[in-house]
Protein backbone atom coordinates (compact mmCIF):
# COMPACT_ATOMS: atom_id res chain seq x y z
CA MET A 1 -0.15 0.04 -0.17
CA ASP A 2 1.47 3.51 -1.10
CA ARG A 3 0.66 7.05 -0.26
CA THR A 4 -2.11 6.86 -2.92
CA ASP A 5 -3.70 4.05 -1.59
CA GLU A 6 -3.55 5.68 2.09
CA ARG A 7 -5.41 9.09 0.54
CA ILE A 8 -7.63 7.14 -1.36
CA ILE A 9 -9.04 5.14 2.03
CA GLU A 10 -8.70 8.48 4.15
CA LEU A 11 -10.53 10.34 1.11
CA LEU A 12 -13.59 7.40 1.19
CA ARG A 13 -13.56 7.21 5.40
CA ARG A 14 -14.38 11.20 5.11
CA ASN A 15 -17.20 10.32 1.93
CA GLY A 16 -17.99 6.72 1.14
CA ARG A 17 -19.95 8.15 -1.83
CA MET A 18 -17.61 9.94 -3.56
CA SER A 19 -17.32 9.06 -7.35
CA PHE A 20 -14.21 7.91 -8.86
CA LYS A 21 -13.77 11.17 -10.93
CA ALA A 22 -14.15 13.00 -7.83
CA LEU A 23 -11.48 11.14 -6.27
CA GLY A 24 -9.58 10.91 -9.35
CA ASP A 25 -9.74 14.56 -9.63
CA VAL A 26 -8.44 14.97 -6.13
CA LEU A 27 -5.75 12.57 -6.83
CA GLY A 28 -4.62 13.97 -10.14
CA MET A 29 -5.80 10.89 -11.90
CA SER A 30 -8.56 10.02 -14.37
CA ARG A 31 -11.42 8.22 -12.90
CA PRO A 32 -10.60 4.69 -14.82
CA ALA A 33 -7.22 4.92 -12.77
CA ALA A 34 -8.99 5.78 -9.50
CA LYS A 35 -11.66 3.12 -10.22
CA LYS A 36 -8.98 0.59 -10.80
CA ARG A 37 -7.13 1.93 -7.40
CA VAL A 38 -10.61 1.39 -5.25
CA ARG A 39 -11.23 -1.98 -6.82
CA LYS A 40 -7.47 -3.33 -6.04
CA LEU A 41 -8.07 -2.17 -2.12
CA GLU A 42 -11.39 -3.59 -2.24
CA GLU A 43 -10.27 -7.18 -3.55
CA ALA A 44 -7.22 -6.81 -1.38
CA GLY A 45 -9.97 -7.03 1.30
CA ILE A 46 -8.40 -3.41 3.13
CA ILE A 47 -11.73 -1.70 1.96
CA ARG A 48 -14.38 -4.02 3.14
CA GLY A 49 -17.42 -2.03 2.51
CA TYR A 50 -19.38 1.30 2.41
CA ALA A 51 -21.65 3.03 5.52
CA ALA A 52 -24.25 5.39 5.84
CA ARG A 53 -24.24 7.05 9.14
CA VAL A 54 -27.93 7.01 10.55
CA ARG A 55 -28.66 8.53 13.83
CA ARG A 56 -32.12 7.13 15.26
CA GLU A 57 -33.65 9.37 17.98
CA GLY A 58 -33.85 7.55 21.31
CA GLU A 59 -31.56 4.89 20.28
CA ILE A 60 -29.77 3.20 23.40
CA THR A 61 -26.32 0.53 22.56
CA VAL A 62 -25.62 -1.65 24.70
CA LEU A 63 -21.94 -3.17 25.14
CA ILE A 64 -22.02 -6.71 26.54
CA ASP A 65 -19.02 -8.80 27.50
CA ILE A 66 -19.18 -12.88 28.20
CA VAL A 67 -16.35 -15.37 29.31
CA THR A 68 -17.60 -18.69 28.47
CA VAL A 69 -17.03 -21.97 30.26
CA PRO A 70 -14.15 -23.48 28.33
CA GLY A 71 -15.01 -24.98 25.14
CA ARG A 72 -18.45 -23.52 25.43
CA CYS A 73 -17.50 -20.07 23.42
CA ASP A 74 -18.84 -21.61 20.19
CA ALA A 75 -22.43 -22.50 21.43
CA VAL A 76 -22.36 -18.95 22.86
CA LEU A 77 -21.50 -17.32 19.74
CA ASP A 78 -24.11 -19.55 17.43
CA TYR A 79 -26.97 -18.50 19.60
CA LEU A 80 -26.00 -14.29 19.49
CA ASN A 81 -25.26 -15.00 16.10
CA THR A 82 -28.69 -16.45 15.00
CA GLU A 83 -31.05 -15.75 17.90
CA THR A 84 -30.86 -12.47 19.15
CA ALA A 85 -32.19 -9.54 16.91
CA TYR A 86 -30.88 -6.78 18.90
CA VAL A 87 -27.32 -7.94 18.69
CA ARG A 88 -25.47 -5.94 15.59
CA GLN A 89 -21.70 -6.88 16.08
CA ILE A 90 -19.93 -9.94 17.69
CA TYR A 91 -16.23 -10.09 18.30
CA ARG A 92 -14.33 -12.90 19.60
CA THR A 93 -11.35 -11.24 21.60
CA THR A 94 -7.95 -11.92 22.18
CA LEU A 95 -8.86 -13.31 25.59
CA GLU A 96 -9.55 -16.65 26.07
CA ASN A 97 -13.49 -17.37 25.88
CA HIS A 98 -14.19 -14.14 25.41
CA ILE A 99 -17.38 -12.51 23.40
CA HIS A 100 -17.80 -9.00 23.09
CA ALA A 101 -21.42 -8.23 21.23
CA VAL A 102 -22.76 -4.64 20.75
CA ALA A 103 -26.98 -4.48 21.08
CA VAL A 104 -29.02 -1.71 19.82
CA SER A 105 -32.93 -0.87 20.45
CA ASP A 106 -34.99 2.01 20.67
CA SER A 107 -36.12 -0.26 24.42
CA VAL A 108 -34.44 -0.19 27.61
CA ARG A 109 -36.80 -3.42 28.32
CA ASN A 110 -35.92 -4.95 24.75
CA LEU A 111 -32.60 -4.92 25.81
CA LYS A 112 -33.21 -6.41 29.25
CA TYR A 113 -35.09 -8.98 27.77
CA LEU A 114 -31.90 -9.60 25.54
CA THR A 115 -29.66 -9.98 28.30
CA GLU A 116 -32.12 -12.08 30.21
CA MET A 117 -32.70 -14.68 27.37
CA ILE A 118 -28.73 -14.70 26.85
CA GLN A 119 -28.22 -15.74 30.58
CA LYS A 120 -31.51 -18.18 30.06
CA THR A 121 -30.51 -19.91 27.10
CA CYS A 122 -26.54 -19.81 27.86
CA GLY A 123 -26.49 -19.54 31.08
CA SER A 124 -24.81 -23.10 31.84
CA ASP A 125 -22.11 -22.02 29.20
CA ILE A 126 -21.10 -18.65 30.43
CA ALA A 127 -18.72 -18.19 33.45
CA GLU A 128 -19.31 -14.32 33.56
CA MET A 129 -21.45 -11.36 31.61
CA SER A 130 -21.75 -7.77 32.30
CA CYS A 131 -23.89 -5.40 30.37
CA HIS A 132 -23.01 -1.29 29.82
CA ALA A 133 -25.14 0.89 28.19
CA VAL A 134 -23.36 3.55 26.38
CA LYS A 135 -23.52 7.06 27.83
CA GLU A 136 -21.66 8.68 24.87
CA VAL A 137 -20.00 7.90 21.30
CA VAL A 138 -16.82 10.04 21.68
CA LYS A 139 -15.17 8.94 18.67
CA ASP A 140 -16.99 6.45 15.78
CA VAL A 141 -14.56 6.24 12.77
CA TYR A 142 -16.47 3.46 11.13
CA GLY A 143 -19.96 5.04 11.49
CA GLY A 144 -21.89 2.45 12.55
CA ILE A 145 -22.72 -0.99 10.81
CA ARG A 146 -21.56 -1.95 7.58
CA SER A 147 -21.99 -4.37 4.68
CA GLU A 148 -19.61 -6.42 3.21
CA GLN A 149 -20.73 -6.82 -0.02
CA ARG A 150 -21.12 -4.08 -2.58
CA SER A 151 -24.50 -2.51 -3.17
CA GLU A 152 -26.65 -1.00 -6.03
CA SER A 153 -26.07 2.30 -4.53
CA ASP A 154 -22.08 1.22 -4.72
CA GLU A 155 -22.53 1.14 -8.65
CA SER A 156 -23.69 4.81 -8.99
CA ARG A 157 -20.39 5.84 -7.62
CA GLU A 158 -18.78 4.81 -11.09
CA THR A 159 -20.42 7.80 -12.85
């Protein structure tokens, strides 16, 4: 990755809808050259998707940390990944048997129900669990949940 690639990433982080023509103009290259550089970054997995930043009034975010019983991490991950509508992100961390999840709803009641269901369904697989509501987002460079696949709206950037 060279300085031009780094600049492309910087520009697309600020405006993921920037057209290839505008990107080329800023970088001093043609639209096809800019498009080729972006495609190479996408194919290499460096650019994994594009996001729209959406703020919903009254949205509540909860961070959930779970330490599982040894050997039961996959069972808890399966439950979080398939059975929980409010969970938006799930991470396996470098700590052994540790899962970090982000859940979002417009209702504290829904999030409380979610944590109760995790405990009820996976209770014997969980050694520790803690939940913390987000008070304030100080910095979010990713802009929320992103799709890993290109959508039709990404095609509009080509013009």
